[in-house]
Amino acid sequence: LRSLLAYIISPMAIIDLLAILPFYLPILIPIDLRFL
């Protein structure tokens, strides 16, 4: 678990997450299309 948390907060893991976030975010929460 600590290994997983250490990886998740690493810079490259954050970049990986931000790279796919725009696709999943509208599915999880309603969002303004202009902001999307």
Full PDB file with SEQRES, HELIX, SHEET, SSBOND, CRYST1, ORIGX, SCALE, CONECT and MASTER records, all heavy atoms in Angstrom:
SEQRES   1 A   36  LEU ARG SER LEU LEU ALA TYR ILE ILE SER PRO MET ALA          
SEQRES   2 A   36  ILE ILE ASP LEU LEU ALA ILE LEU PRO PHE TYR LEU PRO          
SEQRES   3 A   36  ILE LEU ILE PRO ILE ASP LEU ARG PHE LEU                      
HELIX    1 AA1 ARG A    2  ILE A    8  1                                   7    
HELIX    2 AA2 PRO A   11  LEU A   28  1                                  18    
CRYST1    1.000    1.000    1.000  90.00  90.00  90.00 P 1           1          
ORIGX1      1.000000  0.000000  0.000000        0.00000                         
ORIGX2      0.000000  1.000000  0.000000        0.00000                         
ORIGX3      0.000000  0.000000  1.000000        0.00000                         
SCALE1      1.000000  0.000000  0.000000        0.00000                         
SCALE2      0.000000  1.000000  0.000000        0.00000                         
SCALE3      0.000000  0.000000  1.000000        0.00000                         
ATOM      1  N   LEU A   1       0.830  -1.206   0.000  1.00  0.00           N  
ATOM      2  CA  LEU A   1       0.000   0.000   0.000  1.00  0.00           C  
ATOM      3  C   LEU A   1       0.861   1.251   0.000  1.00  0.00           C  
ATOM      4  O   LEU A   1       0.601   2.206  -0.743  1.00  0.00           O  
ATOM      5  CB  LEU A   1      -0.930  -0.010   1.210  1.00  0.00           C  
ATOM      6  CG  LEU A   1      -1.871   1.202   1.349  1.00  0.00           C  
ATOM      7  CD1 LEU A   1      -2.781   1.307   0.124  1.00  0.00           C  
ATOM      8  CD2 LEU A   1      -2.702   1.092   2.622  1.00  0.00           C  
ATOM      9  N   ARG A   2       1.911   1.250   0.793  1.00  0.00           N  
ATOM     10  CA  ARG A   2       2.810   2.406   0.833  1.00  0.00           C  
ATOM     11  C   ARG A   2       3.560   2.561  -0.491  1.00  0.00           C  
ATOM     12  O   ARG A   2       3.824   3.678  -0.932  1.00  0.00           O  
ATOM     13  CB  ARG A   2       3.796   2.264   1.987  1.00  0.00           C  
ATOM     14  CG  ARG A   2       3.163   2.454   3.356  1.00  0.00           C  
ATOM     15  CD  ARG A   2       4.222   2.489   4.444  1.00  0.00           C  
ATOM     16  NE  ARG A   2       3.628   2.760   5.755  1.00  0.00           N  
ATOM     17  CZ  ARG A   2       4.328   2.875   6.876  1.00  0.00           C  
ATOM     18  NH1 ARG A   2       5.658   2.755   6.837  1.00  0.00           N  
ATOM     19  NH2 ARG A   2       3.726   3.115   8.014  1.00  0.00           N  
ATOM     20  N   SER A   3       3.886   1.447  -1.107  1.00  0.00           N  
ATOM     21  CA  SER A   3       4.539   1.494  -2.426  1.00  0.00           C  
ATOM     22  C   SER A   3       3.608   2.111  -3.452  1.00  0.00           C  
ATOM     23  O   SER A   3       4.025   2.935  -4.277  1.00  0.00           O  
ATOM     24  CB  SER A   3       4.942   0.082  -2.860  1.00  0.00           C  
ATOM     25  OG  SER A   3       5.868  -0.478  -1.970  1.00  0.00           O  
ATOM     26  N   LEU A   4       2.333   1.711  -3.385  1.00  0.00           N  
ATOM     27  CA  LEU A   4       1.344   2.259  -4.316  1.00  0.00           C  
ATOM     28  C   LEU A   4       1.154   3.757  -4.093  1.00  0.00           C  
ATOM     29  O   LEU A   4       1.112   4.537  -5.059  1.00  0.00           O  
ATOM     30  CB  LEU A   4       0.011   1.521  -4.142  1.00  0.00           C  
ATOM     31  CG  LEU A   4      -1.157   2.001  -5.010  1.00  0.00           C  
ATOM     32  CD1 LEU A   4      -0.819   1.854  -6.487  1.00  0.00           C  
ATOM     33  CD2 LEU A   4      -2.423   1.241  -4.674  1.00  0.00           C  
ATOM     34  N   LEU A   5       1.065   4.171  -2.836  1.00  0.00           N  
ATOM     35  CA  LEU A   5       0.889   5.594  -2.526  1.00  0.00           C  
ATOM     36  C   LEU A   5       2.118   6.397  -2.956  1.00  0.00           C  
ATOM     37  O   LEU A   5       1.984   7.514  -3.467  1.00  0.00           O  
ATOM     38  CB  LEU A   5       0.640   5.778  -1.031  1.00  0.00           C  
ATOM     39  CG  LEU A   5      -0.700   5.257  -0.494  1.00  0.00           C  
ATOM     40  CD1 LEU A   5      -0.756   5.389   1.019  1.00  0.00           C  
ATOM     41  CD2 LEU A   5      -1.863   6.009  -1.139  1.00  0.00           C  
ATOM     42  N   ALA A   6       3.305   5.818  -2.753  1.00  0.00           N  
ATOM     43  CA  ALA A   6       4.534   6.506  -3.167  1.00  0.00           C  
ATOM     44  C   ALA A   6       4.569   6.697  -4.674  1.00  0.00           C  
ATOM     45  O   ALA A   6       5.028   7.732  -5.167  1.00  0.00           O  
ATOM     46  CB  ALA A   6       5.752   5.705  -2.711  1.00  0.00           C  
ATOM     47  N   TYR A   7       4.071   5.713  -5.409  1.00  0.00           N  
ATOM     48  CA  TYR A   7       4.038   5.853  -6.871  1.00  0.00           C  
ATOM     49  C   TYR A   7       2.986   6.870  -7.303  1.00  0.00           C  
ATOM     50  O   TYR A   7       3.234   7.701  -8.187  1.00  0.00           O  
ATOM     51  CB  TYR A   7       3.733   4.503  -7.531  1.00  0.00           C  
ATOM     52  CG  TYR A   7       3.404   4.643  -8.993  1.00  0.00           C  
ATOM     53  CD1 TYR A   7       4.396   4.960  -9.923  1.00  0.00           C  
ATOM     54  CD2 TYR A   7       2.091   4.514  -9.448  1.00  0.00           C  
ATOM     55  CE1 TYR A   7       4.089   5.132 -11.255  1.00  0.00           C  
ATOM     56  CE2 TYR A   7       1.783   4.675 -10.780  1.00  0.00           C  
ATOM     57  CZ  TYR A   7       2.791   4.981 -11.684  1.00  0.00           C  
ATOM     58  OH  TYR A   7       2.481   5.164 -13.009  1.00  0.00           O  
ATOM     59  N   ILE A   8       1.814   6.843  -6.678  1.00  0.00           N  
ATOM     60  CA  ILE A   8       0.706   7.713  -7.085  1.00  0.00           C  
ATOM     61  C   ILE A   8       1.071   9.190  -6.949  1.00  0.00           C  
ATOM     62  O   ILE A   8       0.668  10.016  -7.773  1.00  0.00           O  
ATOM     63  CB  ILE A   8      -0.562   7.387  -6.260  1.00  0.00           C  
ATOM     64  CG1 ILE A   8      -1.120   6.019  -6.689  1.00  0.00           C  
ATOM     65  CG2 ILE A   8      -1.628   8.459  -6.440  1.00  0.00           C  
ATOM     66  CD1 ILE A   8      -2.282   5.545  -5.847  1.00  0.00           C  
ATOM     67  N   ILE A   9       1.846   9.523  -5.914  1.00  0.00           N  
ATOM     68  CA  ILE A   9       2.203  10.940  -5.695  1.00  0.00           C  
ATOM     69  C   ILE A   9       3.487  11.333  -6.423  1.00  0.00           C  
ATOM     70  O   ILE A   9       3.938  12.471  -6.298  1.00  0.00           O  
ATOM     71  CB  ILE A   9       2.343  11.246  -4.187  1.00  0.00           C  
ATOM     72  CG1 ILE A   9       3.496  10.424  -3.576  1.00  0.00           C  
ATOM     73  CG2 ILE A   9       1.036  11.008  -3.459  1.00  0.00           C  
ATOM     74  CD1 ILE A   9       3.781  10.762  -2.126  1.00  0.00           C  
ATOM     75  N   SER A  10       4.067  10.417  -7.194  1.00  0.00           N  
ATOM     76  CA  SER A  10       5.272  10.752  -7.953  1.00  0.00           C  
ATOM     77  C   SER A  10       4.915  11.652  -9.134  1.00  0.00           C  
ATOM     78  O   SER A  10       3.782  11.590  -9.647  1.00  0.00           O  
ATOM     79  CB  SER A  10       5.956   9.478  -8.457  1.00  0.00           C  
ATOM     80  OG  SER A  10       5.136   8.799  -9.390  1.00  0.00           O  
ATOM     81  N   PRO A  11       5.831  12.508  -9.598  1.00  0.00           N  
ATOM     82  CA  PRO A  11       5.520  13.448 -10.693  1.00  0.00           C  
ATOM     83  C   PRO A  11       5.016  12.767 -11.970  1.00  0.00           C  
ATOM     84  O   PRO A  11       4.054  13.231 -12.578  1.00  0.00           O  
ATOM     85  CB  PRO A  11       6.864  14.153 -10.940  1.00  0.00           C  
ATOM     86  CG  PRO A  11       7.580  14.050  -9.640  1.00  0.00           C  
ATOM     87  CD  PRO A  11       7.182  12.739  -9.060  1.00  0.00           C  
ATOM     88  N   MET A  12       5.643  11.659 -12.378  1.00  0.00           N  
ATOM     89  CA  MET A  12       5.241  10.995 -13.611  1.00  0.00           C  
ATOM     90  C   MET A  12       3.850  10.384 -13.492  1.00  0.00           C  
ATOM     91  O   MET A  12       3.081  10.381 -14.458  1.00  0.00           O  
ATOM     92  CB  MET A  12       6.253   9.917 -13.989  1.00  0.00           C  
ATOM     93  CG  MET A  12       7.568  10.453 -14.518  1.00  0.00           C  
ATOM     94  SD  MET A  12       7.386  11.623 -15.892  1.00  0.00           S  
ATOM     95  CE  MET A  12       6.460  10.657 -17.078  1.00  0.00           C  
ATOM     96  N   ALA A  13       3.501   9.873 -12.306  1.00  0.00           N  
ATOM     97  CA  ALA A  13       2.161   9.322 -12.100  1.00  0.00           C  
ATOM     98  C   ALA A  13       1.102  10.417 -12.179  1.00  0.00           C  
ATOM     99  O   ALA A  13       0.009  10.204 -12.732  1.00  0.00           O  
ATOM    100  CB  ALA A  13       2.086   8.603 -10.754  1.00  0.00           C  
ATOM    101  N   ILE A  14       1.414  11.587 -11.648  1.00  0.00           N  
ATOM    102  CA  ILE A  14       0.477  12.715 -11.719  1.00  0.00           C  
ATOM    103  C   ILE A  14       0.279  13.152 -13.165  1.00  0.00           C  
ATOM    104  O   ILE A  14      -0.840  13.453 -13.595  1.00  0.00           O  
ATOM    105  CB  ILE A  14       0.991  13.885 -10.854  1.00  0.00           C  
ATOM    106  CG1 ILE A  14       0.973  13.487  -9.379  1.00  0.00           C  
ATOM    107  CG2 ILE A  14       0.167  15.145 -11.080  1.00  0.00           C  
ATOM    108  CD1 ILE A  14       1.642  14.484  -8.457  1.00  0.00           C  
ATOM    109  N   ILE A  15       1.368  13.172 -13.943  1.00  0.00           N  
ATOM    110  CA  ILE A  15       1.264  13.511 -15.372  1.00  0.00           C  
ATOM    111  C   ILE A  15       0.404  12.491 -16.100  1.00  0.00           C  
ATOM    112  O   ILE A  15      -0.445  12.836 -16.928  1.00  0.00           O  
ATOM    113  CB  ILE A  15       2.670  13.590 -15.995  1.00  0.00           C  
ATOM    114  CG1 ILE A  15       3.409  14.818 -15.470  1.00  0.00           C  
ATOM    115  CG2 ILE A  15       2.579  13.659 -17.527  1.00  0.00           C  
ATOM    116  CD1 ILE A  15       4.860  14.877 -15.874  1.00  0.00           C  
ATOM    117  N   ASP A  16       0.605  11.205 -15.788  1.00  0.00           N  
ATOM    118  CA  ASP A  16      -0.204  10.148 -16.399  1.00  0.00           C  
ATOM    119  C   ASP A  16      -1.690  10.352 -16.094  1.00  0.00           C  
ATOM    120  O   ASP A  16      -2.546  10.180 -16.970  1.00  0.00           O  
ATOM    121  CB  ASP A  16       0.233   8.773 -15.888  1.00  0.00           C  
ATOM    122  CG  ASP A  16       1.602   8.369 -16.421  1.00  0.00           C  
ATOM    123  OD1 ASP A  16       2.028   8.966 -17.426  1.00  0.00           O  
ATOM    124  OD2 ASP A  16       2.220   7.470 -15.846  1.00  0.00           O  
ATOM    125  N   LEU A  17      -1.977  10.714 -14.848  1.00  0.00           N  
ATOM    126  CA  LEU A  17      -3.367  10.921 -14.446  1.00  0.00           C  
ATOM    127  C   LEU A  17      -3.979  12.121 -15.149  1.00  0.00           C  
ATOM    128  O   LEU A  17      -5.110  12.059 -15.658  1.00  0.00           O  
ATOM    129  CB  LEU A  17      -3.450  11.091 -12.924  1.00  0.00           C  
ATOM    130  CG  LEU A  17      -4.851  11.328 -12.348  1.00  0.00           C  
ATOM    131  CD1 LEU A  17      -5.743  10.137 -12.633  1.00  0.00           C  
ATOM    132  CD2 LEU A  17      -4.770  11.584 -10.847  1.00  0.00           C  
ATOM    133  N   LEU A  18      -3.244  13.231 -15.205  1.00  0.00           N  
ATOM    134  CA  LEU A  18      -3.750  14.440 -15.867  1.00  0.00           C  
ATOM    135  C   LEU A  18      -3.962  14.213 -17.358  1.00  0.00           C  
ATOM    136  O   LEU A  18      -4.807  14.858 -17.980  1.00  0.00           O  
ATOM    137  CB  LEU A  18      -2.782  15.603 -15.643  1.00  0.00           C  
ATOM    138  CG  LEU A  18      -2.686  16.153 -14.219  1.00  0.00           C  
ATOM    139  CD1 LEU A  18      -1.605  17.226 -14.143  1.00  0.00           C  
ATOM    140  CD2 LEU A  18      -4.029  16.724 -13.773  1.00  0.00           C  
ATOM    141  N   ALA A  19      -3.200  13.284 -17.943  1.00  0.00           N  
ATOM    142  CA  ALA A  19      -3.310  13.016 -19.371  1.00  0.00           C  
ATOM    143  C   ALA A  19      -4.629  12.350 -19.736  1.00  0.00           C  
ATOM    144  O   ALA A  19      -5.128  12.514 -20.855  1.00  0.00           O  
ATOM    145  CB  ALA A  19      -2.151  12.143 -19.830  1.00  0.00           C  
ATOM    146  N   ILE A  20      -5.219  11.596 -18.793  1.00  0.00           N  
ATOM    147  CA  ILE A  20      -6.483  10.906 -19.088  1.00  0.00           C  
ATOM    148  C   ILE A  20      -7.669  11.510 -18.335  1.00  0.00           C  
ATOM    149  O   ILE A  20      -8.812  11.136 -18.570  1.00  0.00           O  
ATOM    150  CB  ILE A  20      -6.388   9.405 -18.749  1.00  0.00           C  
ATOM    151  CG1 ILE A  20      -6.181   9.197 -17.249  1.00  0.00           C  
ATOM    152  CG2 ILE A  20      -5.265   8.748 -19.546  1.00  0.00           C  
ATOM    153  CD1 ILE A  20      -6.276   7.752 -16.812  1.00  0.00           C  
ATOM    154  N   LEU A  21      -7.395  12.444 -17.434  1.00  0.00           N  
ATOM    155  CA  LEU A  21      -8.454  13.036 -16.609  1.00  0.00           C  
ATOM    156  C   LEU A  21      -9.583  13.669 -17.414  1.00  0.00           C  
ATOM    157  O   LEU A  21     -10.754  13.494 -17.068  1.00  0.00           O  
ATOM    158  CB  LEU A  21      -7.835  14.065 -15.659  1.00  0.00           C  
ATOM    159  CG  LEU A  21      -8.771  14.664 -14.610  1.00  0.00           C  
ATOM    160  CD1 LEU A  21      -9.248  13.587 -13.647  1.00  0.00           C  
ATOM    161  CD2 LEU A  21      -8.067  15.781 -13.845  1.00  0.00           C  
ATOM    162  N   PRO A  22      -9.302  14.426 -18.507  1.00  0.00           N  
ATOM    163  CA  PRO A  22     -10.396  15.067 -19.255  1.00  0.00           C  
ATOM    164  C   PRO A  22     -11.425  14.090 -19.799  1.00  0.00           C  
ATOM    165  O   PRO A  22     -12.566  14.474 -20.028  1.00  0.00           O  
ATOM    166  CB  PRO A  22      -9.665  15.775 -20.412  1.00  0.00           C  
ATOM    167  CG  PRO A  22      -8.277  15.967 -19.931  1.00  0.00           C  
ATOM    168  CD  PRO A  22      -7.983  14.787 -19.066  1.00  0.00           C  
ATOM    169  N   PHE A  23     -11.039  12.836 -20.003  1.00  0.00           N  
ATOM    170  CA  PHE A  23     -11.995  11.847 -20.529  1.00  0.00           C  
ATOM    171  C   PHE A  23     -12.916  11.322 -19.434  1.00  0.00           C  
ATOM    172  O   PHE A  23     -14.127  11.181 -19.644  1.00  0.00           O  
ATOM    173  CB  PHE A  23     -11.231  10.683 -21.162  1.00  0.00           C  
ATOM    174  CG  PHE A  23     -12.116   9.614 -21.720  1.00  0.00           C  
ATOM    175  CD1 PHE A  23     -12.674   9.745 -22.987  1.00  0.00           C  
ATOM    176  CD2 PHE A  23     -12.392   8.479 -20.984  1.00  0.00           C  
ATOM    177  CE1 PHE A  23     -13.504   8.750 -23.506  1.00  0.00           C  
ATOM    178  CE2 PHE A  23     -13.225   7.478 -21.492  1.00  0.00           C  
ATOM    179  CZ  PHE A  23     -13.776   7.619 -22.756  1.00  0.00           C  
ATOM    180  N   TYR A  24     -12.360  11.046 -18.258  1.00  0.00           N  
ATOM    181  CA  TYR A  24     -13.146  10.410 -17.188  1.00  0.00           C  
ATOM    182  C   TYR A  24     -13.912  11.412 -16.327  1.00  0.00           C  
ATOM    183  O   TYR A  24     -14.945  11.060 -15.746  1.00  0.00           O  
ATOM    184  CB  TYR A  24     -12.219   9.588 -16.286  1.00  0.00           C  
ATOM    185  CG  TYR A  24     -11.681   8.352 -16.957  1.00  0.00           C  
ATOM    186  CD1 TYR A  24     -10.340   8.262 -17.311  1.00  0.00           C  
ATOM    187  CD2 TYR A  24     -12.506   7.267 -17.229  1.00  0.00           C  
ATOM    188  CE1 TYR A  24      -9.842   7.125 -17.929  1.00  0.00           C  
ATOM    189  CE2 TYR A  24     -12.014   6.126 -17.845  1.00  0.00           C  
ATOM    190  CZ  TYR A  24     -10.678   6.062 -18.190  1.00  0.00           C  
ATOM    191  OH  TYR A  24     -10.184   4.936 -18.800  1.00  0.00           O  
ATOM    192  N   LEU A  25     -13.426  12.645 -16.227  1.00  0.00           N  
ATOM    193  CA  LEU A  25     -14.048  13.610 -15.322  1.00  0.00           C  
ATOM    194  C   LEU A  25     -15.520  13.881 -15.642  1.00  0.00           C  
ATOM    195  O   LEU A  25     -16.355  13.876 -14.731  1.00  0.00           O  
ATOM    196  CB  LEU A  25     -13.245  14.922 -15.334  1.00  0.00           C  
ATOM    197  CG  LEU A  25     -13.530  15.887 -14.189  1.00  0.00           C  
ATOM    198  CD1 LEU A  25     -13.256  15.224 -12.844  1.00  0.00           C  
ATOM    199  CD2 LEU A  25     -12.684  17.149 -14.311  1.00  0.00           C  
ATOM    200  N   PRO A  26     -15.922  14.108 -16.917  1.00  0.00           N  
ATOM    201  CA  PRO A  26     -17.337  14.335 -17.206  1.00  0.00           C  
ATOM    202  C   PRO A  26     -18.214  13.120 -16.902  1.00  0.00           C  
ATOM    203  O   PRO A  26     -19.419  13.261 -16.656  1.00  0.00           O  
ATOM    204  CB  PRO A  26     -17.349  14.632 -18.718  1.00  0.00           C  
ATOM    205  CG  PRO A  26     -15.956  15.037 -19.032  1.00  0.00           C  
ATOM    206  CD  PRO A  26     -15.094  14.261 -18.123  1.00  0.00           C  
ATOM    207  N   ILE A  27     -17.615  11.912 -16.912  1.00  0.00           N  
ATOM    208  CA  ILE A  27     -18.379  10.704 -16.602  1.00  0.00           C  
ATOM    209  C   ILE A  27     -18.664  10.620 -15.113  1.00  0.00           C  
ATOM    210  O   ILE A  27     -19.747  10.212 -14.687  1.00  0.00           O  
ATOM    211  CB  ILE A  27     -17.599   9.449 -17.065  1.00  0.00           C  
ATOM    212  CG1 ILE A  27     -17.378   9.495 -18.576  1.00  0.00           C  
ATOM    213  CG2 ILE A  27     -18.337   8.164 -16.681  1.00  0.00           C  
ATOM    214  CD1 ILE A  27     -16.506   8.375 -19.105  1.00  0.00           C  
ATOM    215  N   LEU A  28     -17.696  11.055 -14.312  1.00  0.00           N  
ATOM    216  CA  LEU A  28     -17.819  10.957 -12.859  1.00  0.00           C  
ATOM    217  C   LEU A  28     -18.673  12.063 -12.264  1.00  0.00           C  
ATOM    218  O   LEU A  28     -19.486  11.825 -11.374  1.00  0.00           O  
ATOM    219  CB  LEU A  28     -16.425  10.970 -12.224  1.00  0.00           C  
ATOM    220  CG  LEU A  28     -15.492   9.820 -12.637  1.00  0.00           C  
ATOM    221  CD1 LEU A  28     -14.100  10.026 -12.048  1.00  0.00           C  
ATOM    222  CD2 LEU A  28     -16.061   8.484 -12.190  1.00  0.00           C  
ATOM    223  N   ILE A  29     -18.492  13.308 -12.753  1.00  0.00           N  
ATOM    224  CA  ILE A  29     -19.241  14.435 -12.212  1.00  0.00           C  
ATOM    225  C   ILE A  29     -19.758  15.310 -13.353  1.00  0.00           C  
ATOM    226  O   ILE A  29     -19.094  15.432 -14.389  1.00  0.00           O  
ATOM    227  CB  ILE A  29     -18.377  15.292 -11.260  1.00  0.00           C  
ATOM    228  CG1 ILE A  29     -17.098  15.778 -11.961  1.00  0.00           C  
ATOM    229  CG2 ILE A  29     -18.028  14.509 -10.011  1.00  0.00           C  
ATOM    230  CD1 ILE A  29     -16.256  16.725 -11.136  1.00  0.00           C  
ATOM    231  N   PRO A  30     -20.942  15.911 -13.183  1.00  0.00           N  
ATOM    232  CA  PRO A  30     -21.437  16.844 -14.212  1.00  0.00           C  
ATOM    233  C   PRO A  30     -20.504  18.050 -14.295  1.00  0.00           C  
ATOM    234  O   PRO A  30     -20.038  18.555 -13.283  1.00  0.00           O  
ATOM    235  CB  PRO A  30     -22.820  17.253 -13.676  1.00  0.00           C  
ATOM    236  CG  PRO A  30     -23.168  16.224 -12.660  1.00  0.00           C  
ATOM    237  CD  PRO A  30     -21.883  15.741 -12.076  1.00  0.00           C  
ATOM    238  N   ILE A  31     -20.270  18.500 -15.516  1.00  0.00           N  
ATOM    239  CA  ILE A  31     -19.310  19.590 -15.699  1.00  0.00           C  
ATOM    240  C   ILE A  31     -19.759  20.492 -16.848  1.00  0.00           C  
ATOM    241  O   ILE A  31     -20.369  20.025 -17.816  1.00  0.00           O  
ATOM    242  CB  ILE A  31     -17.906  19.015 -15.974  1.00  0.00           C  
ATOM    243  CG1 ILE A  31     -16.841  20.104 -15.885  1.00  0.00           C  
ATOM    244  CG2 ILE A  31     -17.839  18.297 -17.290  1.00  0.00           C  
ATOM    245  CD1 ILE A  31     -15.429  19.558 -15.888  1.00  0.00           C  
ATOM    246  N   ASP A  32     -19.511  21.763 -16.699  1.00  0.00           N  
ATOM    247  CA  ASP A  32     -19.837  22.733 -17.738  1.00  0.00           C  
ATOM    248  C   ASP A  32     -19.042  22.420 -19.007  1.00  0.00           C  
ATOM    249  O   ASP A  32     -17.834  22.212 -18.966  1.00  0.00           O  
ATOM    250  CB  ASP A  32     -19.487  24.142 -17.241  1.00  0.00           C  
ATOM    251  CG  ASP A  32     -20.026  25.230 -18.174  1.00  0.00           C  
ATOM    252  OD1 ASP A  32     -20.389  24.902 -19.315  1.00  0.00           O  
ATOM    253  OD2 ASP A  32     -20.069  26.394 -17.735  1.00  0.00           O  
ATOM    254  N   LEU A  33     -19.734  22.391 -20.154  1.00  0.00           N  
ATOM    255  CA  LEU A  33     -19.079  22.050 -21.412  1.00  0.00           C  
ATOM    256  C   LEU A  33     -17.996  23.059 -21.777  1.00  0.00           C  
ATOM    257  O   LEU A  33     -17.003  22.713 -22.401  1.00  0.00           O  
ATOM    258  CB  LEU A  33     -20.108  21.958 -22.543  1.00  0.00           C  
ATOM    259  CG  LEU A  33     -21.087  20.783 -22.451  1.00  0.00           C  
ATOM    260  CD1 LEU A  33     -22.081  20.843 -23.602  1.00  0.00           C  
ATOM    261  CD2 LEU A  33     -20.340  19.457 -22.466  1.00  0.00           C  
ATOM    262  N   ARG A  34     -18.170  24.328 -21.400  1.00  0.00           N  
ATOM    263  CA  ARG A  34     -17.147  25.329 -21.682  1.00  0.00           C  
ATOM    264  C   ARG A  34     -15.881  25.027 -20.896  1.00  0.00           C  
ATOM    265  O   ARG A  34     -14.776  25.133 -21.417  1.00  0.00           O  
ATOM    266  CB  ARG A  34     -17.668  26.729 -21.327  1.00  0.00           C  
ATOM    267  CG  ARG A  34     -18.780  27.228 -22.243  1.00  0.00           C  
ATOM    268  CD  ARG A  34     -19.358  28.520 -21.721  1.00  0.00           C  
ATOM    269  NE  ARG A  34     -19.989  28.330 -20.425  1.00  0.00           N  
ATOM    270  CZ  ARG A  34     -20.542  29.306 -19.712  1.00  0.00           C  
ATOM    271  NH1 ARG A  34     -20.534  30.550 -20.171  1.00  0.00           N  
ATOM    272  NH2 ARG A  34     -21.093  29.046 -18.543  1.00  0.00           N  
ATOM    273  N   PHE A  35     -16.062  24.606 -19.644  1.00  0.00           N  
ATOM    274  CA  PHE A  35     -14.905  24.229 -18.832  1.00  0.00           C  
ATOM    275  C   PHE A  35     -14.262  22.957 -19.365  1.00  0.00           C  
ATOM    276  O   PHE A  35     -13.048  22.790 -19.323  1.00  0.00           O  
ATOM    277  CB  PHE A  35     -15.334  24.025 -17.382  1.00  0.00           C  
ATOM    278  CG  PHE A  35     -14.226  23.604 -16.471  1.00  0.00           C  
ATOM    279  CD1 PHE A  35     -13.211  24.480 -16.132  1.00  0.00           C  
ATOM    280  CD2 PHE A  35     -14.185  22.315 -15.964  1.00  0.00           C  
ATOM    281  CE1 PHE A  35     -12.176  24.093 -15.303  1.00  0.00           C  
ATOM    282  CE2 PHE A  35     -13.148  21.918 -15.132  1.00  0.00           C  
ATOM    283  CZ  PHE A  35     -12.159  22.814 -14.793  1.00  0.00           C  
ATOM    284  N   LEU A  36     -15.086  22.049 -19.892  1.00  0.00           N  
ATOM    285  CA  LEU A  36     -14.573  20.798 -20.448  1.00  0.00           C  
ATOM    286  C   LEU A  36     -13.654  21.068 -21.629  1.00  0.00           C  
ATOM    287  O   LEU A  36     -12.611  20.423 -21.784  1.00  0.00           O  
ATOM    288  CB  LEU A  36     -15.736  19.897 -20.877  1.00  0.00           C  
ATOM    289  CG  LEU A  36     -15.361  18.576 -21.554  1.00  0.00           C  
ATOM    290  CD1 LEU A  36     -14.526  17.721 -20.611  1.00  0.00           C  
ATOM    291  CD2 LEU A  36     -16.603  17.818 -21.991  1.00  0.00           C  
TER     292      LEU A  36                                                      
MASTER        0    0    0    2    0    0    0    6  291    1    0    3          
END                                                                             
